[in-house]
Amino acid sequence: MKRLLQAPNLALATLWADMLAGVGIEATVQRVYAGGIVGELPPDQGLPEVWVQDDGQHGRARQLLDEWQHAPHRHWACRGCGEVVDGPFEQCWNCGRDRLEASPA
């Protein structure tokens, strides 16, 4: 088991661990309840951490996390409803159609 990163909050730690699990990398969130001791310890010691169960998958997990954290900014028009979508989103916020079914804006 090897630490992947320290997350800024529990929501992101859980999201990243779930995303890793979705691609077959078993990950857990540690320090879930450590936020309650902030003040007794330095603030960064109470932040949640994401750990990869298999040390051999640490490099792949690090690479995937970097890709997810630096997703390309896109500008596209949805073919379903015509809504223009800005950002790293893969689906139209208005109708839910996938970006791959859309045309560039």
PDB file of N, CA and C in Angstrom:
ATOM      1  N   MET A   1       0.853  -1.165   0.000  1.00  0.00           N
ATOM      2  CA  MET A   1       0.000   0.000   0.000  1.00  0.00           C
ATOM      3  C   MET A   1       0.902   1.232   0.000  1.00  0.00           C
ATOM      4  N   LYS A   2       0.597   2.189  -0.884  1.00  0.00           N
ATOM      5  CA  LYS A   2       1.455   3.362  -1.030  1.00  0.00           C
ATOM      6  C   LYS A   2       0.597   4.621  -1.167  1.00  0.00           C
ATOM      7  N   ARG A   3       1.024   5.689  -0.485  1.00  0.00           N
ATOM      8  CA  ARG A   3       0.275   6.951  -0.535  1.00  0.00           C
ATOM      9  C   ARG A   3       0.418   7.590  -1.903  1.00  0.00           C
ATOM     10  N   LEU A   4      -0.714   7.969  -2.479  1.00  0.00           N
ATOM     11  CA  LEU A   4      -0.737   8.631  -3.774  1.00  0.00           C
ATOM     12  C   LEU A   4      -0.657  10.142  -3.598  1.00  0.00           C
ATOM     13  N   LEU A   5      -1.505  10.682  -2.728  1.00  0.00           N
ATOM     14  CA  LEU A   5      -1.520  12.124  -2.516  1.00  0.00           C
ATOM     15  C   LEU A   5      -2.316  12.486  -1.289  1.00  0.00           C
ATOM     16  N   GLN A   6      -2.132  13.733  -0.879  1.00  0.00           N
ATOM     17  CA  GLN A   6      -2.934  14.335   0.172  1.00  0.00           C
ATOM     18  C   GLN A   6      -3.936  15.240  -0.532  1.00  0.00           C
ATOM     19  N   ALA A   7      -5.206  15.055  -0.247  1.00  0.00           N
ATOM     20  CA  ALA A   7      -6.254  15.814  -0.929  1.00  0.00           C
ATOM     21  C   ALA A   7      -6.631  17.055  -0.111  1.00  0.00           C
ATOM     22  N   PRO A   8      -7.106  18.102  -0.775  1.00  0.00           N
ATOM     23  CA  PRO A   8      -7.482  19.309  -0.046  1.00  0.00           C
ATOM     24  C   PRO A   8      -8.755  19.159   0.791  1.00  0.00           C
ATOM     25  N   ASN A   9      -9.578  18.145   0.433  1.00  0.00           N
ATOM     26  CA  ASN A   9     -10.801  17.911   1.207  1.00  0.00           C
ATOM     27  C   ASN A   9     -11.289  16.478   0.981  1.00  0.00           C
ATOM     28  N   LEU A  10     -12.224  16.050   1.809  1.00  0.00           N
ATOM     29  CA  LEU A  10     -12.720  14.679   1.757  1.00  0.00           C
ATOM     30  C   LEU A  10     -13.493  14.394   0.467  1.00  0.00           C
ATOM     31  N   ALA A  11     -14.204  15.388  -0.040  1.00  0.00           N
ATOM     32  CA  ALA A  11     -14.982  15.186  -1.273  1.00  0.00           C
ATOM     33  C   ALA A  11     -14.069  14.825  -2.441  1.00  0.00           C
ATOM     34  N   LEU A  12     -12.976  15.560  -2.624  1.00  0.00           N
ATOM     35  CA  LEU A  12     -12.051  15.265  -3.723  1.00  0.00           C
ATOM     36  C   LEU A  12     -11.324  13.944  -3.500  1.00  0.00           C
ATOM     37  N   ALA A  13     -10.929  13.662  -2.280  1.00  0.00           N
ATOM     38  CA  ALA A  13     -10.253  12.396  -1.990  1.00  0.00           C
ATOM     39  C   ALA A  13     -11.154  11.223  -2.363  1.00  0.00           C
ATOM     40  N   THR A  14     -12.413  11.301  -1.990  1.00  0.00           N
ATOM     41  CA  THR A  14     -13.371  10.229  -2.295  1.00  0.00           C
ATOM     42  C   THR A  14     -13.621  10.123  -3.790  1.00  0.00           C
ATOM     43  N   LEU A  15     -13.762  11.257  -4.457  1.00  0.00           N
ATOM     44  CA  LEU A  15     -13.970  11.262  -5.904  1.00  0.00           C
ATOM     45  C   LEU A  15     -12.797  10.613  -6.626  1.00  0.00           C
ATOM     46  N   TRP A  16     -11.574  10.998  -6.266  1.00  0.00           N
ATOM     47  CA  TRP A  16     -10.393  10.450  -6.928  1.00  0.00           C
ATOM     48  C   TRP A  16     -10.254   8.955  -6.659  1.00  0.00           C
ATOM     49  N   ALA A  17     -10.509   8.519  -5.431  1.00  0.00           N
ATOM     50  CA  ALA A  17     -10.429   7.084  -5.114  1.00  0.00           C
ATOM     51  C   ALA A  17     -11.468   6.308  -5.913  1.00  0.00           C
ATOM     52  N   ASP A  18     -12.671   6.858  -6.053  1.00  0.00           N
ATOM     53  CA  ASP A  18     -13.727   6.202  -6.838  1.00  0.00           C
ATOM     54  C   ASP A  18     -13.371   6.154  -8.319  1.00  0.00           C
ATOM     55  N   MET A  19     -12.786   7.224  -8.840  1.00  0.00           N
ATOM     56  CA  MET A  19     -12.380   7.239 -10.243  1.00  0.00           C
ATOM     57  C   MET A  19     -11.296   6.206 -10.506  1.00  0.00           C
ATOM     58  N   LEU A  20     -10.363   6.072  -9.588  1.00  0.00           N
ATOM     59  CA  LEU A  20      -9.321   5.054  -9.726  1.00  0.00           C
ATOM     60  C   LEU A  20      -9.928   3.653  -9.689  1.00  0.00           C
ATOM     61  N   ALA A  21     -10.858   3.441  -8.786  1.00  0.00           N
ATOM     62  CA  ALA A  21     -11.540   2.133  -8.710  1.00  0.00           C
ATOM     63  C   ALA A  21     -12.270   1.838 -10.015  1.00  0.00           C
ATOM     64  N   GLY A  22     -12.801   2.868 -10.651  1.00  0.00           N
ATOM     65  CA  GLY A  22     -13.514   2.703 -11.912  1.00  0.00           C
ATOM     66  C   GLY A  22     -12.647   2.217 -13.060  1.00  0.00           C
ATOM     67  N   VAL A  23     -11.331   2.421 -12.952  1.00  0.00           N
ATOM     68  CA  VAL A  23     -10.410   1.938 -13.988  1.00  0.00           C
ATOM     69  C   VAL A  23      -9.593   0.744 -13.498  1.00  0.00           C
ATOM     70  N   GLY A  24     -10.027   0.171 -12.387  1.00  0.00           N
ATOM     71  CA  GLY A  24      -9.406  -1.065 -11.911  1.00  0.00           C
ATOM     72  C   GLY A  24      -8.244  -0.903 -10.951  1.00  0.00           C
ATOM     73  N   ILE A  25      -8.046   0.287 -10.410  1.00  0.00           N
ATOM     74  CA  ILE A  25      -6.981   0.510  -9.429  1.00  0.00           C
ATOM     75  C   ILE A  25      -7.630   0.662  -8.059  1.00  0.00           C
ATOM     76  N   GLU A  26      -7.364  -0.294  -7.186  1.00  0.00           N
ATOM     77  CA  GLU A  26      -7.967  -0.254  -5.858  1.00  0.00           C
ATOM     78  C   GLU A  26      -7.290   0.826  -5.017  1.00  0.00           C
ATOM     79  N   ALA A  27      -8.090   1.765  -4.552  1.00  0.00           N
ATOM     80  CA  ALA A  27      -7.574   2.882  -3.754  1.00  0.00           C
ATOM     81  C   ALA A  27      -8.490   3.107  -2.557  1.00  0.00           C
ATOM     82  N   THR A  28      -7.914   3.595  -1.477  1.00  0.00           N
ATOM     83  CA  THR A  28      -8.693   3.899  -0.282  1.00  0.00           C
ATOM     84  C   THR A  28      -8.412   5.322   0.156  1.00  0.00           C
ATOM     85  N   VAL A  29      -9.334   5.862   0.927  1.00  0.00           N
ATOM     86  CA  VAL A  29      -9.156   7.189   1.516  1.00  0.00           C
ATOM     87  C   VAL A  29      -8.802   6.986   2.985  1.00  0.00           C
ATOM     88  N   GLN A  30      -7.693   7.544   3.392  1.00  0.00           N
ATOM     89  CA  GLN A  30      -7.237   7.483   4.777  1.00  0.00           C
ATOM     90  C   GLN A  30      -7.400   8.863   5.410  1.00  0.00           C
ATOM     91  N   ARG A  31      -7.391   8.902   6.735  1.00  0.00           N
ATOM     92  CA  ARG A  31      -7.557  10.147   7.506  1.00  0.00           C
ATOM     93  C   ARG A  31      -8.931  10.776   7.283  1.00  0.00           C
ATOM     94  N   VAL A  32      -9.928   9.948   7.129  1.00  0.00           N
ATOM     95  CA  VAL A  32     -11.287  10.454   6.892  1.00  0.00           C
ATOM     96  C   VAL A  32     -11.759  11.325   8.046  1.00  0.00           C
ATOM     97  N   TYR A  33     -11.458  10.925   9.260  1.00  0.00           N
ATOM     98  CA  TYR A  33     -11.949  11.654  10.434  1.00  0.00           C
ATOM     99  C   TYR A  33     -10.873  12.514  11.098  1.00  0.00           C
ATOM    100  N   ALA A  34      -9.738  12.666  10.468  1.00  0.00           N
ATOM    101  CA  ALA A  34      -8.634  13.414  11.080  1.00  0.00           C
ATOM    102  C   ALA A  34      -8.904  14.911  11.129  1.00  0.00           C
ATOM    103  N   GLY A  35      -9.852  15.396  10.363  1.00  0.00           N
ATOM    104  CA  GLY A  35     -10.162  16.826  10.377  1.00  0.00           C
ATOM    105  C   GLY A  35     -10.572  17.322  11.752  1.00  0.00           C
ATOM    106  N   GLY A  36     -11.070  16.435  12.577  1.00  0.00           N
ATOM    107  CA  GLY A  36     -11.496  16.812  13.926  1.00  0.00           C
ATOM    108  C   GLY A  36     -10.347  17.148  14.855  1.00  0.00           C
ATOM    109  N   ILE A  37      -9.125  16.763  14.495  1.00  0.00           N
ATOM    110  CA  ILE A  37      -7.988  17.052  15.363  1.00  0.00           C
ATOM    111  C   ILE A  37      -7.180  18.260  14.894  1.00  0.00           C
ATOM    112  N   VAL A  38      -7.644  18.917  13.833  1.00  0.00           N
ATOM    113  CA  VAL A  38      -6.953  20.121  13.376  1.00  0.00           C
ATOM    114  C   VAL A  38      -7.028  21.150  14.501  1.00  0.00           C
ATOM    115  N   GLY A  39      -5.928  21.744  14.791  1.00  0.00           N
ATOM    116  CA  GLY A  39      -5.806  22.640  15.937  1.00  0.00           C
ATOM    117  C   GLY A  39      -4.880  22.020  16.960  1.00  0.00           C
ATOM    118  N   GLU A  40      -4.998  20.716  17.112  1.00  0.00           N
ATOM    119  CA  GLU A  40      -4.077  19.969  17.962  1.00  0.00           C
ATOM    120  C   GLU A  40      -2.805  19.653  17.175  1.00  0.00           C
ATOM    121  N   LEU A  41      -2.956  19.495  15.864  1.00  0.00           N
ATOM    122  CA  LEU A  41      -1.855  19.218  14.940  1.00  0.00           C
ATOM    123  C   LEU A  41      -1.846  20.297  13.871  1.00  0.00           C
ATOM    124  N   PRO A  42      -0.748  20.420  13.118  1.00  0.00           N
ATOM    125  CA  PRO A  42      -0.766  21.366  11.991  1.00  0.00           C
ATOM    126  C   PRO A  42      -1.893  21.011  11.022  1.00  0.00           C
ATOM    127  N   PRO A  43      -2.507  22.015  10.374  1.00  0.00           N
ATOM    128  CA  PRO A  43      -3.655  21.766   9.500  1.00  0.00           C
ATOM    129  C   PRO A  43      -3.411  20.727   8.409  1.00  0.00           C
ATOM    130  N   ASP A  44      -2.218  20.693   7.842  1.00  0.00           N
ATOM    131  CA  ASP A  44      -1.974  19.741   6.756  1.00  0.00           C
ATOM    132  C   ASP A  44      -1.907  18.294   7.251  1.00  0.00           C
ATOM    133  N   GLN A  45      -1.777  18.087   8.546  1.00  0.00           N
ATOM    134  CA  GLN A  45      -1.743  16.727   9.084  1.00  0.00           C
ATOM    135  C   GLN A  45      -3.141  16.138   9.248  1.00  0.00           C
ATOM    136  N   GLY A  46      -4.164  16.964   9.070  1.00  0.00           N
ATOM    137  CA  GLY A  46      -5.533  16.495   9.194  1.00  0.00           C
ATOM    138  C   GLY A  46      -6.236  16.302   7.865  1.00  0.00           C
ATOM    139  N   LEU A  47      -5.525  16.503   6.764  1.00  0.00           N
ATOM    140  CA  LEU A  47      -6.135  16.370   5.440  1.00  0.00           C
ATOM    141  C   LEU A  47      -6.249  14.903   5.043  1.00  0.00           C
ATOM    142  N   PRO A  48      -7.301  14.559   4.290  1.00  0.00           N
ATOM    143  CA  PRO A  48      -7.456  13.166   3.838  1.00  0.00           C
ATOM    144  C   PRO A  48      -6.390  12.797   2.808  1.00  0.00           C
ATOM    145  N   GLU A  49      -6.096  11.510   2.722  1.00  0.00           N
ATOM    146  CA  GLU A  49      -5.097  11.009   1.785  1.00  0.00           C
ATOM    147  C   GLU A  49      -5.696   9.882   0.957  1.00  0.00           C
ATOM    148  N   VAL A  50      -5.222   9.763  -0.281  1.00  0.00           N
ATOM    149  CA  VAL A  50      -5.613   8.660  -1.162  1.00  0.00           C
ATOM    150  C   VAL A  50      -4.422   7.713  -1.240  1.00  0.00           C
ATOM    151  N   TRP A  51      -4.678   6.436  -0.957  1.00  0.00           N
ATOM    152  CA  TRP A  51      -3.649   5.408  -0.976  1.00  0.00           C
ATOM    153  C   TRP A  51      -4.013   4.355  -2.001  1.00  0.00           C
ATOM    154  N   VAL A  52      -3.016   3.888  -2.746  1.00  0.00           N
ATOM    155  CA  VAL A  52      -3.192   2.821  -3.733  1.00  0.00           C
ATOM    156  C   VAL A  52      -2.815   1.506  -3.055  1.00  0.00           C
ATOM    157  N   GLN A  53      -3.686   0.513  -3.174  1.00  0.00           N
ATOM    158  CA  GLN A  53      -3.455  -0.768  -2.501  1.00  0.00           C
ATOM    159  C   GLN A  53      -2.250  -1.519  -3.060  1.00  0.00           C
ATOM    160  N   ASP A  54      -2.093  -1.535  -4.381  1.00  0.00           N
ATOM    161  CA  ASP A  54      -1.009  -2.269  -5.038  1.00  0.00           C
ATOM    162  C   ASP A  54       0.102  -1.287  -5.414  1.00  0.00           C
ATOM    163  N   ASP A  55       1.259  -1.414  -4.777  1.00  0.00           N
ATOM    164  CA  ASP A  55       2.379  -0.505  -5.056  1.00  0.00           C
ATOM    165  C   ASP A  55       2.735  -0.474  -6.540  1.00  0.00           C
ATOM    166  N   GLY A  56       2.543  -1.581  -7.232  1.00  0.00           N
ATOM    167  CA  GLY A  56       2.866  -1.666  -8.648  1.00  0.00           C
ATOM    168  C   GLY A  56       1.974  -0.803  -9.528  1.00  0.00           C
ATOM    169  N   GLN A  57       0.830  -0.371  -9.023  1.00  0.00           N
ATOM    170  CA  GLN A  57      -0.083   0.479  -9.791  1.00  0.00           C
ATOM    171  C   GLN A  57       0.056   1.957  -9.439  1.00  0.00           C
ATOM    172  N   HIS A  58       0.998   2.269  -8.548  1.00  0.00           N
ATOM    173  CA  HIS A  58       1.154   3.650  -8.097  1.00  0.00           C
ATOM    174  C   HIS A  58       1.479   4.598  -9.249  1.00  0.00           C
ATOM    175  N   GLY A  59       2.409   4.214 -10.122  1.00  0.00           N
ATOM    176  CA  GLY A  59       2.792   5.068 -11.250  1.00  0.00           C
ATOM    177  C   GLY A  59       1.632   5.334 -12.192  1.00  0.00           C
ATOM    178  N   ARG A  60       0.882   4.299 -12.510  1.00  0.00           N
ATOM    179  CA  ARG A  60      -0.282   4.457 -13.392  1.00  0.00           C
ATOM    180  C   ARG A  60      -1.337   5.347 -12.730  1.00  0.00           C
ATOM    181  N   ALA A  61      -1.564   5.150 -11.430  1.00  0.00           N
ATOM    182  CA  ALA A  61      -2.537   5.962 -10.695  1.00  0.00           C
ATOM    183  C   ALA A  61      -2.109   7.424 -10.696  1.00  0.00           C
ATOM    184  N   ARG A  62      -0.825   7.684 -10.493  1.00  0.00           N
ATOM    185  CA  ARG A  62      -0.287   9.046 -10.492  1.00  0.00           C
ATOM    186  C   ARG A  62      -0.511   9.716 -11.855  1.00  0.00           C
ATOM    187  N   GLN A  63      -0.253   8.950 -12.933  1.00  0.00           N
ATOM    188  CA  GLN A  63      -0.427   9.470 -14.291  1.00  0.00           C
ATOM    189  C   GLN A  63      -1.899   9.788 -14.564  1.00  0.00           C
ATOM    190  N   LEU A  64      -2.798   8.870 -14.209  1.00  0.00           N
ATOM    191  CA  LEU A  64      -4.227   9.099 -14.424  1.00  0.00           C
ATOM    192  C   LEU A  64      -4.725  10.300 -13.641  1.00  0.00           C
ATOM    193  N   LEU A  65      -4.314  10.401 -12.390  1.00  0.00           N
ATOM    194  CA  LEU A  65      -4.739  11.523 -11.563  1.00  0.00           C
ATOM    195  C   LEU A  65      -4.263  12.843 -12.153  1.00  0.00           C
ATOM    196  N   ASP A  66      -3.034  12.870 -12.661  1.00  0.00           N
ATOM    197  CA  ASP A  66      -2.519  14.076 -13.295  1.00  0.00           C
ATOM    198  C   ASP A  66      -3.356  14.445 -14.524  1.00  0.00           C
ATOM    199  N   GLU A  67      -3.729  13.445 -15.333  1.00  0.00           N
ATOM    200  CA  GLU A  67      -4.575  13.706 -16.506  1.00  0.00           C
ATOM    201  C   GLU A  67      -5.936  14.249 -16.091  1.00  0.00           C
ATOM    202  N   TRP A  68      -6.516  13.682 -15.051  1.00  0.00           N
ATOM    203  CA  TRP A  68      -7.837  14.132 -14.596  1.00  0.00           C
ATOM    204  C   TRP A  68      -7.785  15.535 -14.016  1.00  0.00           C
ATOM    205  N   GLN A  69      -6.701  15.847 -13.332  1.00  0.00           N
ATOM    206  CA  GLN A  69      -6.574  17.172 -12.725  1.00  0.00           C
ATOM    207  C   GLN A  69      -6.254  18.247 -13.758  1.00  0.00           C
ATOM    208  N   HIS A  70      -5.744  17.856 -14.916  1.00  0.00           N
ATOM    209  CA  HIS A  70      -5.378  18.815 -15.961  1.00  0.00           C
ATOM    210  C   HIS A  70      -6.119  18.511 -17.261  1.00  0.00           C
ATOM    211  N   ALA A  71      -7.399  18.266 -17.139  1.00  0.00           N
ATOM    212  CA  ALA A  71      -8.225  17.962 -18.317  1.00  0.00           C
ATOM    213  C   ALA A  71      -8.231  19.157 -19.274  1.00  0.00           C
ATOM    214  N   PRO A  72      -8.226  18.885 -20.571  1.00  0.00           N
ATOM    215  CA  PRO A  72      -8.210  19.992 -21.543  1.00  0.00           C
ATOM    216  C   PRO A  72      -9.503  20.797 -21.492  1.00  0.00           C
ATOM    217  N   HIS A  73      -9.357  22.086 -21.712  1.00  0.00           N
ATOM    218  CA  HIS A  73     -10.517  22.979 -21.771  1.00  0.00           C
ATOM    219  C   HIS A  73     -11.093  22.909 -23.182  1.00  0.00           C
ATOM    220  N   ARG A  74     -12.358  22.611 -23.279  1.00  0.00           N
ATOM    221  CA  ARG A  74     -12.998  22.485 -24.596  1.00  0.00           C
ATOM    222  C   ARG A  74     -14.145  23.492 -24.737  1.00  0.00           C
ATOM    223  N   HIS A  75     -14.475  23.745 -25.973  1.00  0.00           N
ATOM    224  CA  HIS A  75     -15.603  24.616 -26.317  1.00  0.00           C
ATOM    225  C   HIS A  75     -16.347  23.895 -27.434  1.00  0.00           C
ATOM    226  N   TRP A  76     -17.555  23.405 -27.140  1.00  0.00           N
ATOM    227  CA  TRP A  76     -18.279  22.627 -28.132  1.00  0.00           C
ATOM    228  C   TRP A  76     -19.772  22.889 -28.044  1.00  0.00           C
ATOM    229  N   ALA A  77     -20.442  22.643 -29.170  1.00  0.00           N
ATOM    230  CA  ALA A  77     -21.894  22.834 -29.244  1.00  0.00           C
ATOM    231  C   ALA A  77     -22.574  21.471 -29.258  1.00  0.00           C
ATOM    232  N   CYS A  78     -23.581  21.324 -28.444  1.00  0.00           N
ATOM    233  CA  CYS A  78     -24.319  20.071 -28.354  1.00  0.00           C
ATOM    234  C   CYS A  78     -25.244  19.927 -29.556  1.00  0.00           C
ATOM    235  N   ARG A  79     -25.192  18.763 -30.186  1.00  0.00           N
ATOM    236  CA  ARG A  79     -26.083  18.501 -31.320  1.00  0.00           C
ATOM    237  C   ARG A  79     -27.514  18.229 -30.874  1.00  0.00           C
ATOM    238  N   GLY A  80     -27.668  17.836 -29.629  1.00  0.00           N
ATOM    239  CA  GLY A  80     -29.008  17.520 -29.129  1.00  0.00           C
ATOM    240  C   GLY A  80     -29.853  18.753 -28.881  1.00  0.00           C
ATOM    241  N   CYS A  81     -29.256  19.766 -28.239  1.00  0.00           N
ATOM    242  CA  CYS A  81     -30.053  20.928 -27.853  1.00  0.00           C
ATOM    243  C   CYS A  81     -29.458  22.253 -28.316  1.00  0.00           C
ATOM    244  N   GLY A  82     -28.234  22.217 -28.868  1.00  0.00           N
ATOM    245  CA  GLY A  82     -27.599  23.440 -29.356  1.00  0.00           C
ATOM    246  C   GLY A  82     -26.857  24.232 -28.294  1.00  0.00           C
ATOM    247  N   GLU A  83     -26.880  23.774 -27.063  1.00  0.00           N
ATOM    248  CA  GLU A  83     -26.199  24.474 -25.977  1.00  0.00           C
ATOM    249  C   GLU A  83     -24.690  24.476 -26.215  1.00  0.00           C
ATOM    250  N   VAL A  84     -24.038  25.604 -25.946  1.00  0.00           N
ATOM    251  CA  VAL A  84     -22.584  25.695 -26.046  1.00  0.00           C
ATOM    252  C   VAL A  84     -22.021  25.355 -24.666  1.00  0.00           C
ATOM    253  N   VAL A  85     -21.104  24.393 -24.639  1.00  0.00           N
ATOM    254  CA  VAL A  85     -20.522  23.910 -23.386  1.00  0.00           C
ATOM    255  C   VAL A  85     -19.056  24.303 -23.346  1.00  0.00           C
ATOM    256  N   ASP A  86     -18.646  24.930 -22.259  1.00  0.00           N
ATOM    257  CA  ASP A  86     -17.271  25.362 -22.051  1.00  0.00           C
ATOM    258  C   ASP A  86     -16.662  24.597 -20.900  1.00  0.00           C
ATOM    259  N   GLY A  87     -15.419  24.148 -21.056  1.00  0.00           N
ATOM    260  CA  GLY A  87     -14.722  23.489 -19.960  1.00  0.00           C
ATOM    261  C   GLY A  87     -14.377  22.051 -20.278  1.00  0.00           C
ATOM    262  N   PRO A  88     -13.931  21.326 -19.256  1.00  0.00           N
ATOM    263  CA  PRO A  88     -13.471  19.945 -19.461  1.00  0.00           C
ATOM    264  C   PRO A  88     -14.606  18.927 -19.402  1.00  0.00           C
ATOM    265  N   PHE A  89     -15.807  19.337 -19.756  1.00  0.00           N
ATOM    266  CA  PHE A  89     -16.970  18.482 -19.588  1.00  0.00           C
ATOM    267  C   PHE A  89     -17.167  17.536 -20.772  1.00  0.00           C
ATOM    268  N   GLU A  90     -17.596  16.327 -20.478  1.00  0.00           N
ATOM    269  CA  GLU A  90     -17.804  15.300 -21.497  1.00  0.00           C
ATOM    270  C   GLU A  90     -19.277  15.156 -21.871  1.00  0.00           C
ATOM    271  N   GLN A  91     -20.171  15.814 -21.126  1.00  0.00           N
ATOM    272  CA  GLN A  91     -21.601  15.748 -21.405  1.00  0.00           C
ATOM    273  C   GLN A  91     -22.189  17.149 -21.364  1.00  0.00           C
ATOM    274  N   CYS A  92     -23.255  17.322 -22.131  1.00  0.00           N
ATOM    275  CA  CYS A  92     -23.997  18.587 -22.114  1.00  0.00           C
ATOM    276  C   CYS A  92     -24.729  18.704 -20.782  1.00  0.00           C
ATOM    277  N   TRP A  93     -24.579  19.833 -20.135  1.00  0.00           N
ATOM    278  CA  TRP A  93     -25.247  20.034 -18.850  1.00  0.00           C
ATOM    279  C   TRP A  93     -26.758  20.156 -19.029  1.00  0.00           C
ATOM    280  N   ASN A  94     -27.195  20.544 -20.217  1.00  0.00           N
ATOM    281  CA  ASN A  94     -28.613  20.797 -20.456  1.00  0.00           C
ATOM    282  C   ASN A  94     -29.399  19.527 -20.783  1.00  0.00           C
ATOM    283  N   CYS A  95     -28.864  18.693 -21.709  1.00  0.00           N
ATOM    284  CA  CYS A  95     -29.629  17.515 -22.142  1.00  0.00           C
ATOM    285  C   CYS A  95     -28.945  16.186 -21.839  1.00  0.00           C
ATOM    286  N   GLY A  96     -27.662  16.229 -21.443  1.00  0.00           N
ATOM    287  CA  GLY A  96     -26.952  15.007 -21.087  1.00  0.00           C
ATOM    288  C   GLY A  96     -26.302  14.255 -22.241  1.00  0.00           C
ATOM    289  N   ARG A  97     -26.348  14.799 -23.435  1.00  0.00           N
ATOM    290  CA  ARG A  97     -25.736  14.116 -24.596  1.00  0.00           C
ATOM    291  C   ARG A  97     -24.217  14.151 -24.453  1.00  0.00           C
ATOM    292  N   ASP A  98     -23.553  13.048 -24.855  1.00  0.00           N
ATOM    293  CA  ASP A  98     -22.106  12.965 -24.796  1.00  0.00           C
ATOM    294  C   ASP A  98     -21.447  13.920 -25.772  1.00  0.00           C
ATOM    295  N   ARG A  99     -20.266  14.423 -25.405  1.00  0.00           N
ATOM    296  CA  ARG A  99     -19.510  15.346 -26.251  1.00  0.00           C
ATOM    297  C   ARG A  99     -19.170  14.714 -27.592  1.00  0.00           C
ATOM    298  N   LEU A 100     -18.900  13.429 -27.618  1.00  0.00           N
ATOM    299  CA  LEU A 100     -18.518  12.761 -28.867  1.00  0.00           C
ATOM    300  C   LEU A 100     -19.648  12.769 -29.893  1.00  0.00           C
ATOM    301  N   GLU A 101     -20.846  13.017 -29.434  1.00  0.00           N
ATOM    302  CA  GLU A 101     -21.988  13.111 -30.345  1.00  0.00           C
ATOM    303  C   GLU A 101     -22.235  14.551 -30.760  1.00  0.00           C
ATOM    304  N   ALA A 102     -21.340  15.461 -30.354  1.00  0.00           N
ATOM    305  CA  ALA A 102     -21.523  16.880 -30.633  1.00  0.00           C
ATOM    306  C   ALA A 102     -20.559  17.354 -31.711  1.00  0.00           C
ATOM    307  N   SER A 103     -20.745  18.580 -32.136  1.00  0.00           N
ATOM    308  CA  SER A 103     -19.856  19.171 -33.130  1.00  0.00           C
ATOM    309  C   SER A 103     -19.050  20.301 -32.468  1.00  0.00           C
ATOM    310  N   PRO A 104     -17.838  20.595 -32.972  1.00  0.00           N
ATOM    311  CA  PRO A 104     -17.062  21.711 -32.419  1.00  0.00           C
ATOM    312  C   PRO A 104     -17.820  23.030 -32.590  1.00  0.00           C
ATOM    313  N   ALA A 105     -17.697  23.892 -31.606  1.00  0.00           N
ATOM    314  CA  ALA A 105     -18.414  25.186 -31.674  1.00  0.00           C
ATOM    315  C   ALA A 105     -17.612  26.194 -32.451  1.00  0.00           C
TER     316      ALA A 105
END
